[in-house]
């Protein structure tokens, strides 16, 4: 996070808000599964296997769909080159539109899987300095980095810049709070707002990437 300029930091925060918002929609719509937090689904897969329950199949399906989204997003990003962020985010917006359509004609798991696929794709939106994909839909690593840097700050050595990691985590939580409130009130509105948020991020990324 701290390796990016301020513009890309803001974009990362926006994507984290989107991820939290969509994850809350998926969690409510699926009655307790995640569409962006695969660690949680991995635990549900393991417990489901131990109990020989249907939850294992559901969690496994979501994880596979998410990974397929990551693969797709990475391929699109590689093809887009310097335009990776706006192209990937535009694809995410289109996938969220598809999720709305699926929910209207095939309610249940199809729209949830579409959300998971979109959240896999969005992880390819920002590239790290070393060429690695920067994941912004899960926060365990972010919290670990924040903890290490708080320790550095307390010791007065090393990199003690932890606030950027706190902002990224807080953005995802804030997005999840908003998504949960909206989807519990009106699921169609929650899906529509997710589309608008993704489209807004794509437009923002387009302006940033535009030469001159």
C-alpha atoms as a PDB file:
ATOM      1  CA  UNK A   1       0.000   0.000   0.000  1.00  0.00           C
ATOM      2  CA  UNK A   2       2.676   2.497   0.987  1.00  0.00           C
ATOM      3  CA  UNK A   3       4.631   1.702  -2.180  1.00  0.00           C
ATOM      4  CA  UNK A   4       2.026   3.455  -4.344  1.00  0.00           C
ATOM      5  CA  UNK A   5       1.570   7.143  -5.007  1.00  0.00           C
ATOM      6  CA  UNK A   6      -1.385   8.871  -3.366  1.00  0.00           C
ATOM      7  CA  UNK A   7      -3.620   8.468  -6.423  1.00  0.00           C
ATOM      8  CA  UNK A   8      -3.222   4.707  -6.494  1.00  0.00           C
ATOM      9  CA  UNK A   9      -3.592   4.529  -2.709  1.00  0.00           C
ATOM     10  CA  UNK A  10      -6.970   6.212  -3.079  1.00  0.00           C
ATOM     11  CA  UNK A  11      -7.919   3.760  -5.827  1.00  0.00           C
ATOM     12  CA  UNK A  12      -6.930   0.831  -3.599  1.00  0.00           C
ATOM     13  CA  UNK A  13      -9.082   2.212  -0.779  1.00  0.00           C
ATOM     14  CA  UNK A  14     -12.003   2.560  -3.192  1.00  0.00           C
ATOM     15  CA  UNK A  15     -11.601  -1.042  -4.350  1.00  0.00           C
ATOM     16  CA  UNK A  16     -11.483  -2.186  -0.719  1.00  0.00           C
ATOM     17  CA  UNK A  17     -14.771  -0.373  -0.093  1.00  0.00           C
ATOM     18  CA  UNK A  18     -16.263  -2.121  -3.136  1.00  0.00           C
ATOM     19  CA  UNK A  19     -14.958  -5.498  -1.934  1.00  0.00           C
ATOM     20  CA  UNK A  20     -16.467  -5.035   1.515  1.00  0.00           C
ATOM     21  CA  UNK A  21     -19.763  -3.856   0.032  1.00  0.00           C
ATOM     22  CA  UNK A  22     -20.032  -6.822  -2.354  1.00  0.00           C
ATOM     23  CA  UNK A  23     -18.842  -9.318   0.253  1.00  0.00           C
ATOM     24  CA  UNK A  24     -21.630  -8.216   2.579  1.00  0.00           C
ATOM     25  CA  UNK A  25     -24.164  -8.654  -0.230  1.00  0.00           C
ATOM     26  CA  UNK A  26     -22.863 -12.145  -0.935  1.00  0.00           C
ATOM     27  CA  UNK A  27     -22.773 -13.058   2.757  1.00  0.00           C
ATOM     28  CA  UNK A  28     -26.411 -12.085   3.255  1.00  0.00           C
ATOM     29  CA  UNK A  29     -27.626 -13.566  -0.034  1.00  0.00           C
ATOM     30  CA  UNK A  30     -25.830 -16.885   0.558  1.00  0.00           C
ATOM     31  CA  UNK A  31     -26.703 -17.122   4.259  1.00  0.00           C
ATOM     32  CA  UNK A  32     -23.153 -17.075   5.543  1.00  0.00           C
ATOM     33  CA  UNK A  33     -20.650 -17.599   2.730  1.00  0.00           C
ATOM     34  CA  UNK A  34     -18.153 -15.062   1.419  1.00  0.00           C
ATOM     35  CA  UNK A  35     -17.547 -13.840  -2.127  1.00  0.00           C
ATOM     36  CA  UNK A  36     -14.241 -12.055  -1.544  1.00  0.00           C
ATOM     37  CA  UNK A  37     -12.841 -13.548   1.690  1.00  0.00           C
ATOM     38  CA  UNK A  38     -11.644 -17.001   0.675  1.00  0.00           C
ATOM     39  CA  UNK A  39      -9.930 -17.759   4.004  1.00  0.00           C
ATOM     40  CA  UNK A  40     -13.355 -17.839   5.620  1.00  0.00           C
ATOM     41  CA  UNK A  41     -14.696 -20.078   2.870  1.00  0.00           C
ATOM     42  CA  UNK A  42     -11.675 -22.373   3.224  1.00  0.00           C
ATOM     43  CA  UNK A  43     -12.532 -22.866   6.895  1.00  0.00           C
ATOM     44  CA  UNK A  44     -16.152 -23.526   5.966  1.00  0.00           C
ATOM     45  CA  UNK A  45     -14.931 -26.045   3.374  1.00  0.00           C
ATOM     46  CA  UNK A  46     -12.826 -27.830   5.985  1.00  0.00           C
ATOM     47  CA  UNK A  47     -15.575 -27.925   8.591  1.00  0.00           C
ATOM     48  CA  UNK A  48     -18.057 -29.057   5.951  1.00  0.00           C
ATOM     49  CA  UNK A  49     -15.762 -31.896   4.938  1.00  0.00           C
ATOM     50  CA  UNK A  50     -15.350 -32.921   8.558  1.00  0.00           C
ATOM     51  CA  UNK A  51     -19.121 -32.971   8.998  1.00  0.00           C
ATOM     52  CA  UNK A  52     -19.885 -34.406   5.550  1.00  0.00           C
ATOM     53  CA  UNK A  53     -22.228 -31.491   4.950  1.00  0.00           C
ATOM     54  CA  UNK A  54     -23.357 -29.638   1.833  1.00  0.00           C
ATOM     55  CA  UNK A  55     -21.457 -26.561   3.039  1.00  0.00           C
ATOM     56  CA  UNK A  56     -18.216 -28.128   1.804  1.00  0.00           C
ATOM     57  CA  UNK A  57     -19.487 -28.291  -1.770  1.00  0.00           C
ATOM     58  CA  UNK A  58     -20.840 -24.762  -1.617  1.00  0.00           C
ATOM     59  CA  UNK A  59     -17.629 -23.313  -0.196  1.00  0.00           C
ATOM     60  CA  UNK A  60     -15.524 -25.266  -2.672  1.00  0.00           C
ATOM     61  CA  UNK A  61     -17.595 -24.006  -5.574  1.00  0.00           C
ATOM     62  CA  UNK A  62     -17.239 -20.392  -4.474  1.00  0.00           C
ATOM     63  CA  UNK A  63     -13.476 -20.772  -4.013  1.00  0.00           C
ATOM     64  CA  UNK A  64     -13.089 -22.315  -7.485  1.00  0.00           C
ATOM     65  CA  UNK A  65     -15.178 -19.531  -9.011  1.00  0.00           C
ATOM     66  CA  UNK A  66     -13.128 -16.879  -7.235  1.00  0.00           C
ATOM     67  CA  UNK A  67      -9.865 -18.402  -8.500  1.00  0.00           C
ATOM     68  CA  UNK A  68     -11.287 -18.511 -12.024  1.00  0.00           C
ATOM     69  CA  UNK A  69     -12.025 -14.799 -11.633  1.00  0.00           C
ATOM     70  CA  UNK A  70      -8.444 -14.115 -10.555  1.00  0.00           C
ATOM     71  CA  UNK A  71      -7.160 -15.986 -13.627  1.00  0.00           C
ATOM     72  CA  UNK A  72      -9.505 -14.043 -15.907  1.00  0.00           C
ATOM     73  CA  UNK A  73      -8.625 -10.715 -14.321  1.00  0.00           C
ATOM     74  CA  UNK A  74      -4.910 -11.425 -14.634  1.00  0.00           C
ATOM     75  CA  UNK A  75      -5.270 -12.321 -18.323  1.00  0.00           C
ATOM     76  CA  UNK A  76      -7.266  -9.163 -18.990  1.00  0.00           C
ATOM     77  CA  UNK A  77      -4.730  -7.066 -17.068  1.00  0.00           C
ATOM     78  CA  UNK A  78      -1.825  -8.549 -19.017  1.00  0.00           C
ATOM     79  CA  UNK A  79      -3.595  -7.778 -22.292  1.00  0.00           C
ATOM     80  CA  UNK A  80      -4.498  -4.244 -21.196  1.00  0.00           C
ATOM     81  CA  UNK A  81      -0.955  -3.273 -20.171  1.00  0.00           C
ATOM     82  CA  UNK A  82      -0.856   0.259 -18.783  1.00  0.00           C
ATOM     83  CA  UNK A  83      -4.671   0.370 -18.982  1.00  0.00           C
ATOM     84  CA  UNK A  84      -5.049  -2.569 -16.579  1.00  0.00           C
ATOM     85  CA  UNK A  85      -6.905  -0.733 -13.812  1.00  0.00           C
ATOM     86  CA  UNK A  86      -9.700   0.830 -15.898  1.00  0.00           C
ATOM     87  CA  UNK A  87     -10.110  -2.327 -18.019  1.00  0.00           C
ATOM     88  CA  UNK A  88     -10.271  -4.681 -15.043  1.00  0.00           C
ATOM     89  CA  UNK A  89     -12.653  -2.417 -13.131  1.00  0.00           C
ATOM     90  CA  UNK A  90     -14.878  -1.995 -16.197  1.00  0.00           C
ATOM     91  CA  UNK A  91     -15.082  -5.795 -16.440  1.00  0.00           C
ATOM     92  CA  UNK A  92     -16.005  -5.954 -12.753  1.00  0.00           C
ATOM     93  CA  UNK A  93     -18.816  -3.451 -13.340  1.00  0.00           C
ATOM     94  CA  UNK A  94     -20.116  -5.555 -16.241  1.00  0.00           C
ATOM     95  CA  UNK A  95     -20.007  -8.704 -14.114  1.00  0.00           C
ATOM     96  CA  UNK A  96     -21.981  -6.963 -11.386  1.00  0.00           C
ATOM     97  CA  UNK A  97     -24.565  -5.969 -13.999  1.00  0.00           C
ATOM     98  CA  UNK A  98     -24.694  -9.645 -15.004  1.00  0.00           C
ATOM     99  CA  UNK A  99     -25.230 -10.551 -11.343  1.00  0.00           C
ATOM    100  CA  UNK A 100     -28.277  -8.276 -11.276  1.00  0.00           C
ATOM    101  CA  UNK A 101     -29.670 -10.025 -14.341  1.00  0.00           C
ATOM    102  CA  UNK A 102     -28.990 -13.460 -12.894  1.00  0.00           C
ATOM    103  CA  UNK A 103     -30.693 -12.540  -9.639  1.00  0.00           C
ATOM    104  CA  UNK A 104     -33.836 -11.506 -11.504  1.00  0.00           C
ATOM    105  CA  UNK A 105     -34.134 -14.713 -13.547  1.00  0.00           C
ATOM    106  CA  UNK A 106     -32.129 -17.303 -11.573  1.00  0.00           C
ATOM    107  CA  UNK A 107     -32.226 -16.273  -7.907  1.00  0.00           C
ATOM    108  CA  UNK A 108     -30.034 -18.237  -5.543  1.00  0.00           C
ATOM    109  CA  UNK A 109     -26.487 -19.370  -6.249  1.00  0.00           C
ATOM    110  CA  UNK A 110     -25.917 -18.087  -9.821  1.00  0.00           C
ATOM    111  CA  UNK A 111     -25.761 -14.390  -8.816  1.00  0.00           C
ATOM    112  CA  UNK A 112     -23.659 -15.229  -5.743  1.00  0.00           C
ATOM    113  CA  UNK A 113     -21.151 -17.112  -7.898  1.00  0.00           C
ATOM    114  CA  UNK A 114     -21.094 -14.169 -10.295  1.00  0.00           C
ATOM    115  CA  UNK A 115     -20.238 -11.883  -7.371  1.00  0.00           C
ATOM    116  CA  UNK A 116     -17.410 -14.221  -6.368  1.00  0.00           C
ATOM    117  CA  UNK A 117     -16.084 -14.268  -9.930  1.00  0.00           C
ATOM    118  CA  UNK A 118     -16.162 -10.447 -10.022  1.00  0.00           C
ATOM    119  CA  UNK A 119     -14.266 -10.232  -6.738  1.00  0.00           C
ATOM    120  CA  UNK A 120     -11.621 -12.572  -8.125  1.00  0.00           C
ATOM    121  CA  UNK A 121     -11.282 -10.357 -11.185  1.00  0.00           C
ATOM    122  CA  UNK A 122     -10.932  -7.149  -9.179  1.00  0.00           C
ATOM    123  CA  UNK A 123      -7.789  -8.420  -7.472  1.00  0.00           C
ATOM    124  CA  UNK A 124      -5.934  -7.877 -10.755  1.00  0.00           C
ATOM    125  CA  UNK A 125      -6.803  -4.182 -10.846  1.00  0.00           C
ATOM    126  CA  UNK A 126      -3.611  -2.954  -9.170  1.00  0.00           C
ATOM    127  CA  UNK A 127      -0.098  -4.199  -9.847  1.00  0.00           C
ATOM    128  CA  UNK A 128       2.706  -4.061  -7.314  1.00  0.00           C
ATOM    129  CA  UNK A 129       6.136  -2.654  -8.055  1.00  0.00           C
ATOM    130  CA  UNK A 130       7.535  -6.176  -8.462  1.00  0.00           C
ATOM    131  CA  UNK A 131       4.821  -7.118 -10.946  1.00  0.00           C
ATOM    132  CA  UNK A 132       2.832  -9.126  -8.409  1.00  0.00           C
ATOM    133  CA  UNK A 133      -0.924  -8.737  -8.132  1.00  0.00           C
ATOM    134  CA  UNK A 134      -1.972  -6.635  -5.145  1.00  0.00           C
ATOM    135  CA  UNK A 135      -4.947  -8.245  -3.408  1.00  0.00           C
ATOM    136  CA  UNK A 136      -7.371  -5.710  -1.973  1.00  0.00           C
ATOM    137  CA  UNK A 137     -10.368  -7.922  -1.192  1.00  0.00           C
ATOM    138  CA  UNK A 138      -8.903  -9.597   1.907  1.00  0.00           C
ATOM    139  CA  UNK A 139      -7.274  -8.012   4.923  1.00  0.00           C
ATOM    140  CA  UNK A 140      -5.372 -10.644   6.925  1.00  0.00           C
ATOM    141  CA  UNK A 141      -2.049  -9.720   5.313  1.00  0.00           C
ATOM    142  CA  UNK A 142      -2.857  -6.028   5.680  1.00  0.00           C
ATOM    143  CA  UNK A 143      -3.471  -6.427   9.410  1.00  0.00           C
ATOM    144  CA  UNK A 144      -0.272  -8.443   9.796  1.00  0.00           C
ATOM    145  CA  UNK A 145       1.702  -5.722   8.016  1.00  0.00           C
ATOM    146  CA  UNK A 146       0.035  -3.091  10.176  1.00  0.00           C
ATOM    147  CA  UNK A 147       0.968  -4.989  13.332  1.00  0.00           C
ATOM    148  CA  UNK A 148       4.601  -5.356  12.263  1.00  0.00           C
ATOM    149  CA  UNK A 149       4.852  -1.665  11.459  1.00  0.00           C
ATOM    150  CA  UNK A 150       3.235  -0.620  14.731  1.00  0.00           C
ATOM    151  CA  UNK A 151       5.899  -2.730  16.442  1.00  0.00           C
ATOM    152  CA  UNK A 152       8.575  -0.987  14.355  1.00  0.00           C
ATOM    153  CA  UNK A 153       7.172   2.403  15.353  1.00  0.00           C
ATOM    154  CA  UNK A 154       7.221   1.438  19.030  1.00  0.00           C
ATOM    155  CA  UNK A 155      10.824   0.243  18.741  1.00  0.00           C
ATOM    156  CA  UNK A 156      11.847   3.276  16.712  1.00  0.00           C
ATOM    157  CA  UNK A 157      13.431   1.151  13.977  1.00  0.00           C
ATOM    158  CA  UNK A 158      12.488  -0.013  10.494  1.00  0.00           C
ATOM    159  CA  UNK A 159       9.388   1.021   8.575  1.00  0.00           C
ATOM    160  CA  UNK A 160       6.794   2.274  11.032  1.00  0.00           C
ATOM    161  CA  UNK A 161       4.270   3.577   8.494  1.00  0.00           C
ATOM    162  CA  UNK A 162       1.140   1.680   9.521  1.00  0.00           C
ATOM    163  CA  UNK A 163      -1.661   4.182   8.940  1.00  0.00           C
ATOM    164  CA  UNK A 164      -2.064   3.312   5.249  1.00  0.00           C
ATOM    165  CA  UNK A 165      -2.766  -0.304   6.196  1.00  0.00           C
ATOM    166  CA  UNK A 166      -5.296   0.837   8.790  1.00  0.00           C
ATOM    167  CA  UNK A 167      -7.102   2.940   6.182  1.00  0.00           C
ATOM    168  CA  UNK A 168      -7.287  -0.001   3.775  1.00  0.00           C
ATOM    169  CA  UNK A 169      -8.749  -2.274   6.460  1.00  0.00           C
ATOM    170  CA  UNK A 170     -11.176   0.410   7.609  1.00  0.00           C
ATOM    171  CA  UNK A 171     -12.302   0.948   4.004  1.00  0.00           C
ATOM    172  CA  UNK A 172     -13.268  -2.707   3.611  1.00  0.00           C
ATOM    173  CA  UNK A 173     -15.112  -2.712   6.941  1.00  0.00           C
ATOM    174  CA  UNK A 174     -16.948   0.507   6.073  1.00  0.00           C
ATOM    175  CA  UNK A 175     -17.941  -0.928   2.705  1.00  0.00           C
ATOM    176  CA  UNK A 176     -19.201  -4.096   4.371  1.00  0.00           C
ATOM    177  CA  UNK A 177     -21.266  -2.117   6.881  1.00  0.00           C
ATOM    178  CA  UNK A 178     -22.843  -0.112   4.062  1.00  0.00           C
ATOM    179  CA  UNK A 179     -23.431  -3.201   1.936  1.00  0.00           C
ATOM    180  CA  UNK A 180     -25.072  -5.078   4.793  1.00  0.00           C
ATOM    181  CA  UNK A 181     -27.363  -2.179   5.659  1.00  0.00           C
ATOM    182  CA  UNK A 182     -28.458  -1.714   2.058  1.00  0.00           C
ATOM    183  CA  UNK A 183     -28.904  -5.384   1.106  1.00  0.00           C
ATOM    184  CA  UNK A 184     -31.001  -6.026   4.218  1.00  0.00           C
ATOM    185  CA  UNK A 185     -33.237  -3.151   3.167  1.00  0.00           C
ATOM    186  CA  UNK A 186     -33.289  -3.768  -0.588  1.00  0.00           C
ATOM    187  CA  UNK A 187     -31.163  -6.378  -2.342  1.00  0.00           C
ATOM    188  CA  UNK A 188     -31.769  -4.976  -5.871  1.00  0.00           C
ATOM    189  CA  UNK A 189     -30.669  -1.547  -4.682  1.00  0.00           C
ATOM    190  CA  UNK A 190     -27.526  -3.036  -3.120  1.00  0.00           C
ATOM    191  CA  UNK A 191     -26.592  -4.732  -6.404  1.00  0.00           C
ATOM    192  CA  UNK A 192     -27.253  -1.507  -8.320  1.00  0.00           C
ATOM    193  CA  UNK A 193     -25.104   0.547  -5.948  1.00  0.00           C
ATOM    194  CA  UNK A 194     -22.285  -1.999  -6.322  1.00  0.00           C
ATOM    195  CA  UNK A 195     -22.444  -1.507 -10.101  1.00  0.00           C
ATOM    196  CA  UNK A 196     -22.318   2.267  -9.699  1.00  0.00           C
ATOM    197  CA  UNK A 197     -19.364   2.028  -7.320  1.00  0.00           C
ATOM    198  CA  UNK A 198     -17.426  -0.252  -9.678  1.00  0.00           C
ATOM    199  CA  UNK A 199     -18.233   1.979 -12.646  1.00  0.00           C
ATOM    200  CA  UNK A 200     -17.117   5.040 -10.699  1.00  0.00           C
ATOM    201  CA  UNK A 201     -13.824   3.369  -9.829  1.00  0.00           C
ATOM    202  CA  UNK A 202     -13.331   2.395 -13.470  1.00  0.00           C
ATOM    203  CA  UNK A 203     -13.926   5.989 -14.538  1.00  0.00           C
ATOM    204  CA  UNK A 204     -11.508   7.214 -11.899  1.00  0.00           C
ATOM    205  CA  UNK A 205      -8.879   4.719 -13.019  1.00  0.00           C
ATOM    206  CA  UNK A 206      -9.418   5.793 -16.637  1.00  0.00           C
ATOM    207  CA  UNK A 207      -8.694   9.423 -15.744  1.00  0.00           C
ATOM    208  CA  UNK A 208      -5.577   8.419 -13.832  1.00  0.00           C
ATOM    209  CA  UNK A 209      -4.288   6.234 -16.668  1.00  0.00           C
ATOM    210  CA  UNK A 210      -5.071   8.752 -19.411  1.00  0.00           C
ATOM    211  CA  UNK A 211      -1.873  10.264 -20.825  1.00  0.00           C
ATOM    212  CA  UNK A 212      -1.361  13.945 -20.265  1.00  0.00           C
END
